[in-house]
Amino acid sequence: MDLSLTTRPEGGRTVVEVGGEIDVYTAPKLRETIVSLVDAGHYDLVVDLERVEFLDSTGLGVLVGGLKRVRTHDGSLSLVCTQERLLKIFRITGLTKVFEIHPDVASAL
């Protein structure tokens, strides 16, 4: 399964729509997108995970790394996720205390 990524400015932030599987093979593509956005001065990101079908520890690492990267610029990285199987991963790993997780893009903005 491939990873699809699209970015767009919205409400003063940058929304990254992610689809497919975020795993050891595709996570570098997401990492590169986040790094490129931060390098271009986009420090307030919303990562929309609604079309993500699978997320492994490599993907979690990329999201945590992205959060650290934007925070060094006093930015933020919020997530959009309503899928129970993904939310369970965030709960088990304790990352619900680290990330702001929203039910939709509008509330994340």
N, C-alpha and C. Protein backbone atom coordinates (compact mmCIF):
# COMPACT_ATOMS: atom_id res chain seq x y z
N MET A 1 0.84 -1.18 0.00
CA MET A 1 0.00 0.00 0.00
C MET A 1 0.88 1.24 0.00
N ASP A 2 0.55 2.18 -0.83
CA ASP A 2 1.29 3.43 -0.90
C ASP A 2 0.80 4.42 0.14
N LEU A 3 1.54 5.48 0.25
CA LEU A 3 1.18 6.58 1.13
C LEU A 3 0.87 7.78 0.26
N SER A 4 -0.29 8.39 0.49
CA SER A 4 -0.62 9.62 -0.24
C SER A 4 -0.52 10.79 0.72
N LEU A 5 0.06 11.88 0.24
CA LEU A 5 0.24 13.08 1.05
C LEU A 5 -0.15 14.30 0.24
N THR A 6 -1.00 15.14 0.80
CA THR A 6 -1.30 16.42 0.19
C THR A 6 -1.24 17.48 1.29
N THR A 7 -0.78 18.65 0.93
CA THR A 7 -0.71 19.73 1.90
C THR A 7 -1.46 20.94 1.35
N ARG A 8 -2.02 21.70 2.28
CA ARG A 8 -2.73 22.92 1.90
C ARG A 8 -2.75 23.88 3.08
N PRO A 9 -2.68 25.18 2.80
CA PRO A 9 -2.83 26.15 3.87
C PRO A 9 -4.31 26.28 4.22
N GLU A 10 -4.60 26.40 5.50
CA GLU A 10 -5.99 26.59 5.93
C GLU A 10 -6.01 27.20 7.32
N GLY A 11 -6.71 28.30 7.46
CA GLY A 11 -6.87 28.93 8.77
C GLY A 11 -5.57 29.31 9.45
N GLY A 12 -4.58 29.72 8.67
CA GLY A 12 -3.31 30.12 9.26
C GLY A 12 -2.39 28.97 9.62
N ARG A 13 -2.82 27.75 9.33
CA ARG A 13 -2.00 26.57 9.59
C ARG A 13 -1.82 25.81 8.28
N THR A 14 -1.00 24.77 8.31
CA THR A 14 -0.82 23.92 7.13
C THR A 14 -1.39 22.55 7.45
N VAL A 15 -2.34 22.11 6.64
CA VAL A 15 -2.96 20.79 6.81
C VAL A 15 -2.23 19.79 5.92
N VAL A 16 -1.83 18.68 6.52
CA VAL A 16 -1.20 17.58 5.79
C VAL A 16 -2.20 16.41 5.81
N GLU A 17 -2.78 16.11 4.67
CA GLU A 17 -3.70 14.98 4.57
C GLU A 17 -2.90 13.73 4.22
N VAL A 18 -3.07 12.71 5.05
CA VAL A 18 -2.31 11.48 4.88
C VAL A 18 -3.29 10.34 4.58
N GLY A 19 -2.95 9.51 3.62
CA GLY A 19 -3.79 8.36 3.30
C GLY A 19 -2.94 7.13 3.06
N GLY A 20 -3.49 5.96 3.36
CA GLY A 20 -2.77 4.71 3.13
C GLY A 20 -2.13 4.19 4.40
N GLU A 21 -0.93 3.65 4.27
CA GLU A 21 -0.24 3.03 5.39
C GLU A 21 1.02 3.81 5.74
N ILE A 22 1.20 4.07 7.03
CA ILE A 22 2.43 4.71 7.50
C ILE A 22 3.23 3.62 8.21
N ASP A 23 4.24 3.12 7.53
CA ASP A 23 5.05 2.05 8.09
C ASP A 23 6.53 2.30 7.81
N VAL A 24 7.35 1.32 8.07
CA VAL A 24 8.79 1.47 7.91
C VAL A 24 9.18 1.87 6.49
N TYR A 25 8.37 1.48 5.51
CA TYR A 25 8.69 1.77 4.12
C TYR A 25 8.21 3.15 3.67
N THR A 26 7.06 3.59 4.21
CA THR A 26 6.47 4.84 3.74
C THR A 26 6.70 6.02 4.69
N ALA A 27 7.05 5.75 5.93
CA ALA A 27 7.23 6.83 6.92
C ALA A 27 8.26 7.88 6.48
N PRO A 28 9.36 7.49 5.80
CA PRO A 28 10.32 8.52 5.37
C PRO A 28 9.69 9.59 4.48
N LYS A 29 8.69 9.21 3.68
CA LYS A 29 8.01 10.18 2.82
C LYS A 29 7.27 11.22 3.67
N LEU A 30 6.62 10.77 4.74
CA LEU A 30 5.94 11.69 5.66
C LEU A 30 6.96 12.56 6.38
N ARG A 31 8.06 11.96 6.82
CA ARG A 31 9.11 12.72 7.50
C ARG A 31 9.64 13.83 6.59
N GLU A 32 9.92 13.49 5.34
CA GLU A 32 10.43 14.48 4.38
C GLU A 32 9.44 15.63 4.18
N THR A 33 8.16 15.31 4.13
CA THR A 33 7.13 16.34 3.96
C THR A 33 7.12 17.29 5.15
N ILE A 34 7.17 16.73 6.36
CA ILE A 34 7.15 17.57 7.57
C ILE A 34 8.42 18.42 7.63
N VAL A 35 9.57 17.82 7.37
CA VAL A 35 10.83 18.56 7.41
C VAL A 35 10.81 19.69 6.38
N SER A 36 10.33 19.41 5.19
CA SER A 36 10.26 20.44 4.14
C SER A 36 9.35 21.59 4.54
N LEU A 37 8.21 21.26 5.14
CA LEU A 37 7.29 22.31 5.58
C LEU A 37 7.92 23.18 6.66
N VAL A 38 8.57 22.56 7.63
CA VAL A 38 9.21 23.32 8.71
C VAL A 38 10.35 24.17 8.15
N ASP A 39 11.14 23.58 7.26
CA ASP A 39 12.25 24.33 6.65
C ASP A 39 11.74 25.53 5.86
N ALA A 40 10.51 25.44 5.35
CA ALA A 40 9.92 26.54 4.58
C ALA A 40 9.19 27.54 5.49
N GLY A 41 9.25 27.32 6.80
CA GLY A 41 8.65 28.27 7.74
C GLY A 41 7.24 27.97 8.17
N HIS A 42 6.76 26.77 7.90
CA HIS A 42 5.42 26.36 8.33
C HIS A 42 5.55 25.62 9.66
N TYR A 43 5.23 26.30 10.76
CA TYR A 43 5.46 25.74 12.09
C TYR A 43 4.18 25.29 12.80
N ASP A 44 3.03 25.56 12.21
CA ASP A 44 1.76 25.13 12.81
C ASP A 44 1.08 24.17 11.85
N LEU A 45 1.19 22.88 12.17
CA LEU A 45 0.72 21.82 11.27
C LEU A 45 -0.46 21.08 11.86
N VAL A 46 -1.34 20.64 10.98
CA VAL A 46 -2.43 19.73 11.33
C VAL A 46 -2.25 18.51 10.43
N VAL A 47 -2.04 17.35 11.03
CA VAL A 47 -1.87 16.12 10.27
C VAL A 47 -3.19 15.35 10.34
N ASP A 48 -3.84 15.23 9.19
CA ASP A 48 -5.14 14.57 9.08
C ASP A 48 -4.92 13.08 8.78
N LEU A 49 -5.23 12.24 9.75
CA LEU A 49 -5.00 10.79 9.64
C LEU A 49 -6.27 10.01 9.29
N GLU A 50 -7.32 10.70 8.88
CA GLU A 50 -8.60 10.03 8.65
C GLU A 50 -8.56 8.97 7.56
N ARG A 51 -7.66 9.09 6.61
CA ARG A 51 -7.59 8.09 5.52
C ARG A 51 -6.42 7.11 5.71
N VAL A 52 -5.84 7.12 6.91
CA VAL A 52 -4.74 6.20 7.20
C VAL A 52 -5.33 4.84 7.59
N GLU A 53 -4.82 3.80 6.95
CA GLU A 53 -5.33 2.46 7.20
C GLU A 53 -4.45 1.67 8.17
N PHE A 54 -3.18 2.09 8.31
CA PHE A 54 -2.24 1.37 9.17
C PHE A 54 -1.18 2.34 9.66
N LEU A 55 -0.80 2.20 10.93
CA LEU A 55 0.22 3.06 11.52
C LEU A 55 1.08 2.19 12.43
N ASP A 56 2.40 2.15 12.18
CA ASP A 56 3.27 1.36 13.05
C ASP A 56 4.17 2.28 13.87
N SER A 57 5.09 1.69 14.60
CA SER A 57 5.95 2.46 15.49
C SER A 57 6.84 3.45 14.73
N THR A 58 7.21 3.10 13.51
CA THR A 58 8.01 4.03 12.70
C THR A 58 7.19 5.29 12.41
N GLY A 59 5.94 5.10 12.07
CA GLY A 59 5.05 6.24 11.82
C GLY A 59 4.85 7.09 13.06
N LEU A 60 4.69 6.43 14.21
CA LEU A 60 4.57 7.18 15.47
C LEU A 60 5.82 8.01 15.71
N GLY A 61 6.97 7.42 15.43
CA GLY A 61 8.24 8.12 15.60
C GLY A 61 8.34 9.35 14.72
N VAL A 62 7.84 9.25 13.50
CA VAL A 62 7.86 10.39 12.58
C VAL A 62 6.96 11.50 13.12
N LEU A 63 5.79 11.15 13.64
CA LEU A 63 4.88 12.16 14.19
C LEU A 63 5.49 12.84 15.41
N VAL A 64 6.10 12.06 16.31
CA VAL A 64 6.76 12.63 17.49
C VAL A 64 7.92 13.52 17.06
N GLY A 65 8.71 13.05 16.09
CA GLY A 65 9.82 13.85 15.58
C GLY A 65 9.34 15.15 14.96
N GLY A 66 8.22 15.09 14.25
CA GLY A 66 7.64 16.30 13.67
C GLY A 66 7.19 17.28 14.74
N LEU A 67 6.60 16.74 15.81
CA LEU A 67 6.17 17.59 16.92
C LEU A 67 7.37 18.30 17.55
N LYS A 68 8.43 17.56 17.78
CA LYS A 68 9.64 18.15 18.36
C LYS A 68 10.20 19.23 17.45
N ARG A 69 10.18 18.96 16.15
CA ARG A 69 10.72 19.91 15.18
C ARG A 69 9.94 21.23 15.18
N VAL A 70 8.60 21.16 15.18
CA VAL A 70 7.83 22.41 15.16
C VAL A 70 7.92 23.13 16.50
N ARG A 71 8.04 22.38 17.59
CA ARG A 71 8.12 23.01 18.91
C ARG A 71 9.41 23.81 19.07
N THR A 72 10.48 23.43 18.37
CA THR A 72 11.71 24.22 18.46
C THR A 72 11.52 25.61 17.85
N HIS A 73 10.45 25.78 17.10
CA HIS A 73 10.11 27.07 16.50
C HIS A 73 8.84 27.64 17.14
N ASP A 74 8.52 27.17 18.35
CA ASP A 74 7.29 27.58 19.06
C ASP A 74 6.04 27.30 18.24
N GLY A 75 6.07 26.22 17.47
CA GLY A 75 4.93 25.83 16.65
C GLY A 75 4.12 24.73 17.29
N SER A 76 3.23 24.15 16.51
CA SER A 76 2.37 23.08 17.01
C SER A 76 2.12 22.05 15.91
N LEU A 77 1.83 20.83 16.34
CA LEU A 77 1.44 19.77 15.42
C LEU A 77 0.26 19.06 16.06
N SER A 78 -0.91 19.23 15.47
CA SER A 78 -2.13 18.59 15.95
C SER A 78 -2.50 17.46 15.00
N LEU A 79 -3.25 16.51 15.52
CA LEU A 79 -3.69 15.38 14.71
C LEU A 79 -5.20 15.40 14.57
N VAL A 80 -5.68 14.89 13.43
CA VAL A 80 -7.10 14.65 13.22
C VAL A 80 -7.26 13.14 13.08
N CYS A 81 -8.03 12.56 14.00
CA CYS A 81 -8.20 11.11 13.98
C CYS A 81 -9.46 10.72 14.74
N THR A 82 -10.32 9.93 14.10
CA THR A 82 -11.50 9.39 14.78
C THR A 82 -11.53 7.86 14.71
N GLN A 83 -10.56 7.27 14.04
CA GLN A 83 -10.55 5.82 13.88
C GLN A 83 -10.11 5.16 15.18
N GLU A 84 -10.96 4.32 15.72
CA GLU A 84 -10.68 3.71 17.02
C GLU A 84 -9.39 2.90 17.02
N ARG A 85 -9.09 2.21 15.93
CA ARG A 85 -7.88 1.38 15.92
C ARG A 85 -6.62 2.24 16.01
N LEU A 86 -6.65 3.44 15.43
CA LEU A 86 -5.50 4.34 15.54
C LEU A 86 -5.49 5.04 16.90
N LEU A 87 -6.66 5.46 17.37
CA LEU A 87 -6.73 6.11 18.68
C LEU A 87 -6.24 5.18 19.78
N LYS A 88 -6.52 3.90 19.63
CA LYS A 88 -6.06 2.92 20.62
C LYS A 88 -4.53 2.90 20.69
N ILE A 89 -3.87 3.00 19.55
CA ILE A 89 -2.40 3.04 19.52
C ILE A 89 -1.90 4.27 20.28
N PHE A 90 -2.54 5.41 20.06
CA PHE A 90 -2.12 6.63 20.76
C PHE A 90 -2.36 6.51 22.27
N ARG A 91 -3.47 5.86 22.66
CA ARG A 91 -3.76 5.68 24.09
C ARG A 91 -2.75 4.73 24.74
N ILE A 92 -2.49 3.59 24.10
CA ILE A 92 -1.58 2.59 24.66
C ILE A 92 -0.18 3.14 24.84
N THR A 93 0.26 3.96 23.89
CA THR A 93 1.62 4.52 23.94
C THR A 93 1.71 5.78 24.79
N GLY A 94 0.58 6.26 25.29
CA GLY A 94 0.58 7.47 26.10
C GLY A 94 0.67 8.75 25.29
N LEU A 95 0.56 8.64 23.97
CA LEU A 95 0.72 9.81 23.11
C LEU A 95 -0.51 10.71 23.08
N THR A 96 -1.62 10.26 23.69
CA THR A 96 -2.78 11.15 23.80
C THR A 96 -2.46 12.31 24.74
N LYS A 97 -1.46 12.14 25.59
CA LYS A 97 -1.03 13.22 26.47
C LYS A 97 -0.04 14.16 25.78
N VAL A 98 0.50 13.72 24.65
CA VAL A 98 1.52 14.49 23.93
C VAL A 98 0.90 15.29 22.79
N PHE A 99 -0.01 14.66 22.07
CA PHE A 99 -0.64 15.28 20.90
C PHE A 99 -2.03 15.80 21.23
N GLU A 100 -2.38 16.91 20.60
CA GLU A 100 -3.78 17.33 20.56
C GLU A 100 -4.42 16.52 19.45
N ILE A 101 -5.45 15.72 19.77
CA ILE A 101 -6.13 14.90 18.77
C ILE A 101 -7.56 15.40 18.63
N HIS A 102 -7.92 15.76 17.41
CA HIS A 102 -9.22 16.36 17.12
C HIS A 102 -10.06 15.45 16.24
N PRO A 103 -11.40 15.61 16.30
CA PRO A 103 -12.29 14.77 15.49
C PRO A 103 -12.37 15.21 14.03
N ASP A 104 -12.00 16.46 13.73
CA ASP A 104 -12.04 16.94 12.35
C ASP A 104 -11.08 18.12 12.18
N VAL A 105 -10.82 18.47 10.93
CA VAL A 105 -9.88 19.53 10.64
C VAL A 105 -10.37 20.87 11.20
N ALA A 106 -11.66 21.12 11.10
CA ALA A 106 -12.22 22.39 11.57
C ALA A 106 -11.90 22.62 13.05
N SER A 107 -12.06 21.60 13.86
CA SER A 107 -11.80 21.77 15.31
C SER A 107 -10.30 21.85 15.58
N ALA A 108 -9.47 21.28 14.70
CA ALA A 108 -8.02 21.37 14.87
C ALA A 108 -7.51 22.76 14.55
N LEU A 109 -8.23 23.47 13.71
CA LEU A 109 -7.82 24.82 13.32
C LEU A 109 -8.23 25.81 14.39
